[in-house]
Structure formats: C-alpha cells, structure tokens
C-alpha atoms as a PDB file:
ATOM      1  CA  MET A   1     -64.101 -22.134  72.933  1.00  0.00           C
ATOM      2  CA  THR A   2     -60.910 -24.037  72.054  1.00  0.00           C
ATOM      3  CA  ASP A   3     -57.517 -22.421  71.538  1.00  0.00           C
ATOM      4  CA  THR A   4     -56.222 -22.251  67.988  1.00  0.00           C
ATOM      5  CA  PRO A   5     -53.197 -24.544  67.567  1.00  0.00           C
ATOM      6  CA  ARG A   6     -49.970 -22.712  66.785  1.00  0.00           C
ATOM      7  CA  ARG A   7     -49.717 -24.508  63.439  1.00  0.00           C
ATOM      8  CA  LEU A   8     -52.772 -22.528  62.270  1.00  0.00           C
ATOM      9  CA  GLU A   9     -52.049 -19.196  63.922  1.00  0.00           C
ATOM     10  CA  HIS A  10     -50.670 -16.140  62.156  1.00  0.00           C
ATOM     11  CA  PRO A  11     -47.602 -14.851  64.034  1.00  0.00           C
ATOM     12  CA  ASN A  12     -48.009 -12.023  66.494  1.00  0.00           C
ATOM     13  CA  MET A  13     -46.812  -8.602  65.360  1.00  0.00           C
ATOM     14  CA  ASN A  14     -43.033  -8.568  64.974  1.00  0.00           C
ATOM     15  CA  ALA A  15     -42.663 -12.202  66.085  1.00  0.00           C
ATOM     16  CA  GLN A  16     -39.733 -14.037  64.501  1.00  0.00           C
ATOM     17  CA  LEU A  17     -41.262 -16.380  61.943  1.00  0.00           C
ATOM     18  CA  LEU A  18     -39.009 -19.412  62.270  1.00  0.00           C
ATOM     19  CA  HIS A  19     -39.195 -19.290  66.056  1.00  0.00           C
ATOM     20  CA  TRP A  20     -42.966 -18.826  66.054  1.00  0.00           C
ATOM     21  CA  TRP A  21     -43.536 -21.999  64.028  1.00  0.00           C
ATOM     22  CA  MET A  22     -40.462 -23.960  65.145  1.00  0.00           C
ATOM     23  CA  ARG A  23     -42.508 -26.864  66.585  1.00  0.00           C
ATOM     24  CA  ASP A  24     -44.655 -27.310  63.483  1.00  0.00           C
ATOM     25  CA  TYR A  25     -42.747 -26.104  60.398  1.00  0.00           C
ATOM     26  CA  ASP A  26     -39.153 -25.976  59.195  1.00  0.00           C
ATOM     27  CA  HIS A  27     -39.277 -23.180  56.617  1.00  0.00           C
ATOM     28  CA  VAL A  28     -41.203 -20.000  55.842  1.00  0.00           C
ATOM     29  CA  PHE A  29     -41.451 -18.642  52.306  1.00  0.00           C
ATOM     30  CA  VAL A  30     -42.696 -15.062  52.088  1.00  0.00           C
ATOM     31  CA  VAL A  31     -45.090 -14.773  49.129  1.00  0.00           C
ATOM     32  CA  LEU A  32     -45.363 -11.351  47.486  1.00  0.00           C
ATOM     33  CA  ASN A  33     -48.950 -10.541  46.512  1.00  0.00           C
ATOM     34  CA  PRO A  34     -48.630  -9.704  42.790  1.00  0.00           C
ATOM     35  CA  PHE A  35     -49.275  -6.473  40.994  1.00  0.00           C
ATOM     36  CA  PHE A  36     -51.742  -7.216  38.211  1.00  0.00           C
ATOM     37  CA  ARG A  37     -53.430  -6.080  35.022  1.00  0.00           C
ATOM     38  CA  VAL A  38     -57.066  -6.623  34.099  1.00  0.00           C
ATOM     39  CA  PRO A  39     -57.584  -6.467  30.301  1.00  0.00           C
ATOM     40  CA  GLY A  40     -60.074  -3.743  29.423  1.00  0.00           C
ATOM     41  CA  PHE A  41     -59.729  -2.013  32.797  1.00  0.00           C
ATOM     42  CA  THR A  42     -57.243   0.250  34.584  1.00  0.00           C
ATOM     43  CA  PRO A  43     -57.125   1.741  38.086  1.00  0.00           C
ATOM     44  CA  GLU A  44     -57.790   5.147  36.499  1.00  0.00           C
ATOM     45  CA  THR A  45     -61.075   4.025  34.941  1.00  0.00           C
ATOM     46  CA  THR A  46     -62.108   1.251  37.336  1.00  0.00           C
ATOM     47  CA  ALA A  47     -61.213   1.680  40.999  1.00  0.00           C
ATOM     48  CA  TRP A  48     -60.539  -1.448  43.024  1.00  0.00           C
ATOM     49  CA  GLY A  49     -59.376  -1.953  46.583  1.00  0.00           C
ATOM     50  CA  PRO A  50     -59.967  -0.348  49.976  1.00  0.00           C
ATOM     51  CA  LEU A  51     -60.847   3.346  50.193  1.00  0.00           C
ATOM     52  CA  ARG A  52     -58.398   5.053  52.531  1.00  0.00           C
ATOM     53  CA  SER A  53     -59.269   8.193  54.449  1.00  0.00           C
ATOM     54  CA  GLU A  54     -57.942  10.177  57.414  1.00  0.00           C
ATOM     55  CA  ALA A  55     -61.445  10.341  58.876  1.00  0.00           C
ATOM     56  CA  THR A  56     -61.457   9.094  62.474  1.00  0.00           C
ATOM     57  CA  THR A  57     -64.754  10.215  63.999  1.00  0.00           C
ATOM     58  CA  PRO A  58     -68.309   9.141  63.108  1.00  0.00           C
ATOM     59  CA  GLN A  59     -68.984  12.667  61.888  1.00  0.00           C
ATOM     60  CA  GLU A  60     -65.963  12.628  59.586  1.00  0.00           C
ATOM     61  CA  LEU A  61     -66.908   9.224  58.229  1.00  0.00           C
ATOM     62  CA  GLU A  62     -70.473  10.371  57.599  1.00  0.00           C
ATOM     63  CA  ALA A  63     -69.187  13.454  55.781  1.00  0.00           C
ATOM     64  CA  LEU A  64     -66.932  11.251  53.656  1.00  0.00           C
ATOM     65  CA  LEU A  65     -69.817   9.000  52.645  1.00  0.00           C
ATOM     66  CA  GLU A  66     -71.967  12.007  51.800  1.00  0.00           C
ATOM     67  CA  SER A  67     -69.186  13.468  49.656  1.00  0.00           C
ATOM     68  CA  LEU A  68     -68.997  10.239  47.679  1.00  0.00           C
ATOM     69  CA  GLY A  69     -72.709  10.427  46.970  1.00  0.00           C
ATOM     70  CA  GLY A  70     -74.057   7.814  44.556  1.00  0.00           C
ATOM     71  CA  PRO A  71     -72.206   5.566  42.142  1.00  0.00           C
ATOM     72  CA  GLN A  72     -68.809   6.917  41.117  1.00  0.00           C
ATOM     73  CA  ASP A  73     -67.620   7.227  37.527  1.00  0.00           C
ATOM     74  CA  ASP A  74     -64.782   4.823  38.245  1.00  0.00           C
ATOM     75  CA  GLN A  75     -66.843   2.342  40.252  1.00  0.00           C
ATOM     76  CA  ALA A  76     -65.962  -1.264  39.475  1.00  0.00           C
ATOM     77  CA  PRO A  77     -68.673  -3.264  37.690  1.00  0.00           C
ATOM     78  CA  ASP A  78     -70.586  -6.017  39.431  1.00  0.00           C
ATOM     79  CA  ALA A  79     -68.611  -9.239  39.844  1.00  0.00           C
ATOM     80  CA  PHE A  80     -65.316  -7.447  39.240  1.00  0.00           C
ATOM     81  CA  ASP A  81     -63.736  -9.919  41.645  1.00  0.00           C
ATOM     82  CA  GLU A  82     -64.611 -12.702  39.217  1.00  0.00           C
ATOM     83  CA  ILE A  83     -63.209 -10.663  36.331  1.00  0.00           C
ATOM     84  CA  ILE A  84     -59.942 -10.256  38.229  1.00  0.00           C
ATOM     85  CA  LYS A  85     -59.643 -13.979  38.914  1.00  0.00           C
ATOM     86  CA  THR A  86     -60.574 -15.131  35.413  1.00  0.00           C
ATOM     87  CA  THR A  87     -58.683 -12.522  33.362  1.00  0.00           C
ATOM     88  CA  GLY A  88     -56.185 -10.879  35.733  1.00  0.00           C
ATOM     89  CA  GLN A  89     -52.541 -11.002  34.675  1.00  0.00           C
ATOM     90  CA  PRO A  90     -50.034 -11.082  37.569  1.00  0.00           C
ATOM     91  CA  VAL A  91     -46.945  -8.877  37.336  1.00  0.00           C
ATOM     92  CA  ARG A  92     -43.850  -9.600  39.398  1.00  0.00           C
ATOM     93  CA  TRP A  93     -42.403  -7.068  41.812  1.00  0.00           C
ATOM     94  CA  ASP A  94     -38.878  -7.592  40.514  1.00  0.00           C
ATOM     95  CA  MET A  95     -39.986  -6.715  36.988  1.00  0.00           C
ATOM     96  CA  ILE A  96     -41.245  -3.339  38.205  1.00  0.00           C
ATOM     97  CA  ALA A  97     -38.098  -2.725  40.233  1.00  0.00           C
ATOM     98  CA  GLN A  98     -36.050  -3.527  37.131  1.00  0.00           C
ATOM     99  CA  ALA A  99     -38.172  -1.240  34.961  1.00  0.00           C
ATOM    100  CA  LEU A 100     -37.553   1.596  37.428  1.00  0.00           C
ATOM    101  CA  GLY A 101     -33.835   0.854  37.657  1.00  0.00           C
ATOM    102  CA  VAL A 102     -34.001   0.124  41.391  1.00  0.00           C
ATOM    103  CA  SER A 103     -31.278  -2.264  42.527  1.00  0.00           C
ATOM    104  CA  ASP A 104     -32.057  -2.254  46.259  1.00  0.00           C
ATOM    105  CA  PHE A 105     -35.000  -4.638  46.299  1.00  0.00           C
ATOM    106  CA  ARG A 106     -35.511  -4.471  50.069  1.00  0.00           C
ATOM    107  CA  HIS A 107     -35.924  -0.720  49.862  1.00  0.00           C
ATOM    108  CA  PHE A 108     -38.213  -1.031  46.835  1.00  0.00           C
ATOM    109  CA  ALA A 109     -40.395  -3.654  48.528  1.00  0.00           C
ATOM    110  CA  ARG A 110     -40.724  -1.582  51.684  1.00  0.00           C
ATOM    111  CA  MET A 111     -41.824   1.448  49.666  1.00  0.00           C
ATOM    112  CA  VAL A 112     -44.395  -0.653  47.766  1.00  0.00           C
ATOM    113  CA  TRP A 113     -45.819  -1.832  51.081  1.00  0.00           C
ATOM    114  CA  LEU A 114     -45.975   1.681  52.532  1.00  0.00           C
ATOM    115  CA  TRP A 115     -47.585   2.985  49.332  1.00  0.00           C
ATOM    116  CA  VAL A 116     -50.259   0.285  49.314  1.00  0.00           C
ATOM    117  CA  ILE A 117     -51.255   0.746  52.963  1.00  0.00           C
ATOM    118  CA  GLY A 118     -51.030   4.543  52.768  1.00  0.00           C
ATOM    119  CA  ALA A 119     -48.408   4.936  55.509  1.00  0.00           C
ATOM    120  CA  GLU A 120     -46.032   7.893  55.598  1.00  0.00           C
ATOM    121  CA  PRO A 121     -43.244   7.247  58.137  1.00  0.00           C
ATOM    122  CA  PRO A 122     -40.359   9.732  58.455  1.00  0.00           C
ATOM    123  CA  ASP A 123     -38.113   7.605  56.236  1.00  0.00           C
ATOM    124  CA  LEU A 124     -40.628   7.407  53.369  1.00  0.00           C
ATOM    125  CA  ASP A 125     -38.880   7.664  50.010  1.00  0.00           C
ATOM    126  CA  ALA A 126     -41.515   9.914  48.459  1.00  0.00           C
ATOM    127  CA  SER A 127     -39.628  10.116  45.178  1.00  0.00           C
ATOM    128  CA  LEU A 128     -39.572   6.337  44.707  1.00  0.00           C
ATOM    129  CA  VAL A 129     -43.205   5.987  45.800  1.00  0.00           C
ATOM    130  CA  SER A 130     -44.142   8.610  43.208  1.00  0.00           C
ATOM    131  CA  ARG A 131     -42.220   6.707  40.515  1.00  0.00           C
ATOM    132  CA  ILE A 132     -43.918   3.434  41.447  1.00  0.00           C
ATOM    133  CA  ALA A 133     -47.350   5.073  41.323  1.00  0.00           C
ATOM    134  CA  ARG A 134     -46.600   6.749  37.993  1.00  0.00           C
ATOM    135  CA  HIS A 135     -45.336   3.491  36.487  1.00  0.00           C
ATOM    136  CA  CYS A 136     -48.500   1.689  37.570  1.00  0.00           C
ATOM    137  CA  ARG A 137     -50.685   4.428  36.039  1.00  0.00           C
ATOM    138  CA  GLN A 138     -48.760   4.320  32.779  1.00  0.00           C
ATOM    139  CA  GLU A 139     -48.862   0.525  32.599  1.00  0.00           C
ATOM    140  CA  GLY A 140     -52.453   0.155  33.832  1.00  0.00           C
ATOM    141  CA  LEU A 141     -51.329  -1.898  36.832  1.00  0.00           C
ATOM    142  CA  TYR A 142     -53.349  -2.480  39.971  1.00  0.00           C
ATOM    143  CA  LYS A 143     -51.578  -2.438  43.335  1.00  0.00           C
ATOM    144  CA  PRO A 144     -50.911  -5.720  45.146  1.00  0.00           C
ATOM    145  CA  GLU A 145     -53.979  -6.742  47.118  1.00  0.00           C
ATOM    146  CA  GLU A 146     -53.671  -6.535  50.890  1.00  0.00           C
ATOM    147  CA  ASP A 147     -55.100  -8.207  53.992  1.00  0.00           C
ATOM    148  CA  TRP A 148     -56.418 -11.495  52.502  1.00  0.00           C
ATOM    149  CA  LEU A 149     -55.984 -14.114  49.783  1.00  0.00           C
ATOM    150  CA  PRO A 150     -55.504 -12.092  46.569  1.00  0.00           C
ATOM    151  CA  LEU A 151     -57.871 -12.947  43.732  1.00  0.00           C
ATOM    152  CA  VAL A 152     -55.131 -12.902  41.117  1.00  0.00           C
ATOM    153  CA  LEU A 153     -53.064 -15.319  43.214  1.00  0.00           C
ATOM    154  CA  GLU A 154     -55.699 -18.054  43.259  1.00  0.00           C
ATOM    155  CA  PRO A 155     -54.859 -19.552  39.824  1.00  0.00           C
ATOM    156  CA  MET A 156     -51.142 -19.170  40.589  1.00  0.00           C
ATOM    157  CA  LEU A 157     -51.525 -21.507  43.569  1.00  0.00           C
ATOM    158  CA  VAL A 158     -52.894 -24.360  41.460  1.00  0.00           C
ATOM    159  CA  PRO A 159     -49.574 -25.647  40.018  1.00  0.00           C
ATOM    160  CA  TYR A 160     -47.953 -25.515  43.457  1.00  0.00           C
ATOM    161  CA  LEU A 161     -50.795 -27.286  45.251  1.00  0.00           C
ATOM    162  CA  GLU A 162     -50.962 -29.885  42.493  1.00  0.00           C
ATOM    163  CA  ALA A 163     -47.195 -30.404  42.752  1.00  0.00           C
ATOM    164  CA  LEU A 164     -47.790 -31.205  46.430  1.00  0.00           C
ATOM    165  CA  ARG A 165     -50.308 -33.802  45.216  1.00  0.00           C
ATOM    166  CA  LEU A 166     -53.128 -32.158  47.146  1.00  0.00           C
ATOM    167  CA  ASP A 167     -56.743 -32.635  46.135  1.00  0.00           C
ATOM    168  CA  GLU A 168     -58.179 -30.486  48.917  1.00  0.00           C
ATOM    169  CA  VAL A 169     -57.161 -27.686  51.293  1.00  0.00           C
ATOM    170  CA  THR A 170     -58.864 -25.919  54.194  1.00  0.00           C
ATOM    171  CA  LEU A 171     -59.825 -22.242  53.991  1.00  0.00           C
ATOM    172  CA  TRP A 172     -59.803 -20.159  57.197  1.00  0.00           C
ATOM    173  CA  ASP A 173     -60.973 -16.736  58.320  1.00  0.00           C
ATOM    174  CA  GLU A 174     -58.770 -14.351  60.299  1.00  0.00           C
ATOM    175  CA  THR A 175     -59.788 -15.650  63.726  1.00  0.00           C
ATOM    176  CA  ARG A 176     -59.687 -19.309  62.629  1.00  0.00           C
ATOM    177  CA  THR A 177     -63.283 -19.771  63.813  1.00  0.00           C
ATOM    178  CA  SER A 178     -64.735 -20.288  60.333  1.00  0.00           C
ATOM    179  CA  SER A 179     -63.359 -22.857  57.916  1.00  0.00           C
ATOM    180  CA  LEU A 180     -64.259 -24.754  54.769  1.00  0.00           C
ATOM    181  CA  GLU A 181     -62.807 -27.765  52.991  1.00  0.00           C
ATOM    182  CA  CYS A 182     -62.112 -26.679  49.416  1.00  0.00           C
ATOM    183  CA  PRO A 183     -61.028 -28.745  46.385  1.00  0.00           C
ATOM    184  CA  VAL A 184     -57.867 -27.497  44.707  1.00  0.00           C
ATOM    185  CA  GLU A 185     -59.701 -27.396  41.375  1.00  0.00           C
ATOM    186  CA  ALA A 186     -61.776 -24.491  42.767  1.00  0.00           C
ATOM    187  CA  PHE A 187     -58.661 -22.286  42.479  1.00  0.00           C
ATOM    188  CA  HIS A 188     -58.567 -22.714  38.690  1.00  0.00           C
ATOM    189  CA  ARG A 189     -58.954 -19.569  36.615  1.00  0.00           C
ATOM    190  CA  ASP A 190     -62.296 -20.600  35.117  1.00  0.00           C
ATOM    191  CA  GLU A 191     -63.894 -21.103  38.558  1.00  0.00           C
ATOM    192  CA  PRO A 192     -65.525 -18.358  40.701  1.00  0.00           C
ATOM    193  CA  PRO A 193     -63.368 -16.944  43.514  1.00  0.00           C
ATOM    194  CA  VAL A 194     -63.120 -19.280  46.473  1.00  0.00           C
ATOM    195  CA  ALA A 195     -64.953 -17.967  49.507  1.00  0.00           C
ATOM    196  CA  LEU A 196     -66.160 -18.510  53.023  1.00  0.00           C
ATOM    197  CA  MET A 197     -69.765 -17.754  53.861  1.00  0.00           C
ATOM    198  CA  ASP A 198     -69.150 -15.011  56.415  1.00  0.00           C
ATOM    199  CA  ALA A 199     -65.580 -13.722  56.126  1.00  0.00           C
ATOM    200  CA  PRO A 200     -62.659 -13.148  53.756  1.00  0.00           C
ATOM    201  CA  ILE A 201     -60.057 -15.885  53.421  1.00  0.00           C
ATOM    202  CA  SER A 202     -57.059 -15.238  55.644  1.00  0.00           C
ATOM    203  CA  ALA A 203     -55.362 -18.625  55.481  1.00  0.00           C
ATOM    204  CA  ILE A 204     -55.089 -21.886  53.574  1.00  0.00           C
ATOM    205  CA  SER A 205     -53.897 -25.048  55.272  1.00  0.00           C
ATOM    206  CA  ALA A 206     -53.076 -28.638  54.407  1.00  0.00           C
ATOM    207  CA  PRO A 207     -50.958 -31.283  56.143  1.00  0.00           C
ATOM    208  CA  GLY A 208     -47.495 -29.812  56.625  1.00  0.00           C
ATOM    209  CA  MET A 209     -48.295 -26.310  55.370  1.00  0.00           C
ATOM    210  CA  LEU A 210     -50.031 -23.046  56.213  1.00  0.00           C
ATOM    211  CA  LEU A 211     -50.342 -20.001  53.944  1.00  0.00           C
ATOM    212  CA  SER A 212     -51.518 -17.016  55.972  1.00  0.00           C
ATOM    213  CA  TRP A 213     -52.187 -13.297  55.431  1.00  0.00           C
ATOM    214  CA  SER A 214     -52.754 -10.467  57.906  1.00  0.00           C
ATOM    215  CA  GLN A 215     -54.164  -6.951  57.905  1.00  0.00           C
ATOM    216  CA  ASP A 216     -52.160  -4.130  56.293  1.00  0.00           C
ATOM    217  CA  GLN A 217     -49.715  -6.570  54.711  1.00  0.00           C
ATOM    218  CA  VAL A 218     -49.090  -7.340  51.038  1.00  0.00           C
ATOM    219  CA  THR A 219     -47.378 -10.654  51.670  1.00  0.00           C
ATOM    220  CA  GLY A 220     -48.487 -14.159  52.541  1.00  0.00           C
ATOM    221  CA  LEU A 221     -46.497 -16.340  54.916  1.00  0.00           C
ATOM    222  CA  LEU A 222     -46.086 -19.894  53.640  1.00  0.00           C
ATOM    223  CA  ALA A 223     -44.946 -22.112  56.503  1.00  0.00           C
ATOM    224  CA  ILE A 224     -43.954 -25.642  55.447  1.00  0.00           C
ATOM    225  CA  THR A 225     -42.264 -28.737  56.759  1.00  0.00           C
ATOM    226  CA  GLU A 226     -39.084 -30.111  55.206  1.00  0.00           C
ATOM    227  CA  GLU A 227     -41.127 -32.964  53.738  1.00  0.00           C
ATOM    228  CA  VAL A 228     -43.429 -30.506  51.954  1.00  0.00           C
ATOM    229  CA  ARG A 229     -40.464 -28.493  50.684  1.00  0.00           C
ATOM    230  CA  GLN A 230     -38.918 -31.634  49.234  1.00  0.00           C
ATOM    231  CA  LYS A 231     -42.112 -32.349  47.314  1.00  0.00           C
ATOM    232  CA  ALA A 232     -42.203 -28.909  45.661  1.00  0.00           C
ATOM    233  CA  ASP A 233     -40.128 -25.752  46.051  1.00  0.00           C
ATOM    234  CA  PRO A 234     -42.566 -22.804  46.313  1.00  0.00           C
ATOM    235  CA  ALA A 235     -39.947 -20.515  44.788  1.00  0.00           C
ATOM    236  CA  ARG A 236     -40.535 -22.285  41.465  1.00  0.00           C
ATOM    237  CA  TYR A 237     -44.183 -21.216  41.453  1.00  0.00           C
ATOM    238  CA  LEU A 238     -44.489 -17.980  43.447  1.00  0.00           C
ATOM    239  CA  GLU A 239     -42.490 -14.762  43.750  1.00  0.00           C
ATOM    240  CA  GLY A 240     -40.992 -14.204  47.166  1.00  0.00           C
ATOM    241  CA  PHE A 241     -38.065 -14.991  49.446  1.00  0.00           C
ATOM    242  CA  TRP A 242     -37.146 -17.349  52.274  1.00  0.00           C
ATOM    243  CA  ALA A 243     -37.400 -16.068  55.823  1.00  0.00           C
ATOM    244  CA  GLY A 244     -34.139 -16.039  57.755  1.00  0.00           C
ATOM    245  CA  ALA A 245     -33.448 -16.370  61.455  1.00  0.00           C
ATOM    246  CA  GLY A 246     -34.231 -12.699  62.078  1.00  0.00           C
ATOM    247  CA  THR A 247     -37.209 -12.293  59.759  1.00  0.00           C
ATOM    248  CA  SER A 248     -40.269 -11.114  61.653  1.00  0.00           C
ATOM    249  CA  SER A 249     -43.942 -11.095  60.728  1.00  0.00           C
ATOM    250  CA  LEU A 250     -43.464  -7.487  59.578  1.00  0.00           C
ATOM    251  CA  VAL A 251     -41.421  -8.877  56.719  1.00  0.00           C
ATOM    252  CA  LEU A 252     -41.193  -5.701  54.638  1.00  0.00           C
ATOM    253  CA  ASP A 253     -40.213  -3.578  57.615  1.00  0.00           C
ATOM    254  CA  GLN A 254     -36.904  -5.335  58.160  1.00  0.00           C
ATOM    255  CA  PRO A 255     -33.519  -3.699  58.739  1.00  0.00           C
ATOM    256  CA  ARG A 256     -31.844  -6.169  56.378  1.00  0.00           C
ATOM    257  CA  ALA A 257     -32.583  -7.260  52.830  1.00  0.00           C
ATOM    258  CA  PRO A 258     -34.301 -10.555  51.992  1.00  0.00           C
ATOM    259  CA  ALA A 259     -31.660 -13.224  51.522  1.00  0.00           C
ATOM    260  CA  LEU A 260     -32.900 -14.522  48.202  1.00  0.00           C
ATOM    261  CA  LEU A 261     -35.546 -13.379  45.761  1.00  0.00           C
ATOM    262  CA  HIS A 262     -37.215 -15.731  43.256  1.00  0.00           C
END
C-alpha cells in the first residue's frame, strides 16, 4: 500500500490549511455547499439527507429502524439525486443571512453548520438556529449537503472547470484508494450525477488543484496554485471565502470571521 501524497490528502482535524498544503498549493478557497430548492418538492413533503438519531447501541438502532417501519410518507422518490442535480436551484448563504437580518456572517455560518450536523454545543444560538430552520421551511429550502460532493454543486463547477481549460478531472473517495477519470462535461446539469463505483465522491483533483470534502462539514476546501488562480478566480463562480494564515480545517468553528465573502 502506497502513502497518499499530501497534495491529495484532506487536512487533519484542526490543521492550518495553508501550512498543510504549503508545498503543493498557494491558496485555499473555502466553498460553501449551497442551500437549494427542488421545484415540486420541499423538505416537509420529501425528506432528503442523513437521518440523525441519538441511538448509540445496536438495540437502540434496531428499535429506531422498527419505529420507522415501511416507506415513509415523506420518502424521496427513486432517483431523487438525479432530480436534485437536473432541477435543483442553489441558494447562497449570504442571501439567507440578509433575509434574516444577520450581519455577523461568521456567527451565521457557524450556526448553519451546527444545525446541519445536529450539534448542540454550549454556545449554540438556539434562537438563530430556529429562525434559519423556519426560513427554510417557509421557503421550501433544503439544507446544505454535508460530507461529500453536493449534487446541486455539480453544475456550478462546470463554468469554473471550463475557465481552467480542463477537459477531465479525477474523482476520489475519502481514503483516496478509489479513483476515476471523469470528463468535465459529466458535471453538466443534463447528465446523471457523477459517481464512483463503490464510494461517495470526497475529492476532485486536476493539475494544480484539489477540491476536498470531509465528514460532518458543509464546506469544500479548494486548494490551488497561483498559476491556477491566475487562470480563473473561484470567487467568481462559487460562494465562499479565502482561507487566512490561521484558518483551520474546521473552517466554520473559527474564533475569527472569514476575511472576505464572495
């Protein structure tokens, strides 16, 4: 078994991003996984995403599965992932913060993250989390996808990858043991979701760039060389912010606000 080169690795927990990739990349752009709408569907009528539970033992998990029984009323239809990719409408985080009148974006982003992953630390702003959840219900918005390449983000990557003059990228699983060469045209809205045979997609790479996701995160880390940045500024195509000297892999659990939001 060969070691994964650092240029393909996702940073260790709480590692400083620029230091982690300092030998391979010059910049890191933190990509916010979008909120999204799916015409004809809402989270209230069509559930989508991981089921979270406090069950920890096999007995508790078995009881949970028994309580769910057969198909649920709000169960997503077959091929809902394809529906999301082909019809999903991304919604920016800053638009929701603006709609709620929240000026502290760092605080807002942290609460979105905690809400999505179901965490309740002592400093949870329960009032803001409740407002975010209520706004999403009223607007029929789905939460940002977590853990892997979001379906709704696939078509959004096309203009950026084309601006880099790429015809092909490499898809990777979480452990970087499974990979697949994938044409950029496969990310187009009218194509099925891109996929690996045996695992979700945790990273996309090409010469001079790596876009990587990790578990319980709602952000992707786009590491690029200066040459790649000069070809195309990701901030023109994707919502997010540039990592600073102190930005760690837990980007939404930072003591200081992102330097610049796009």
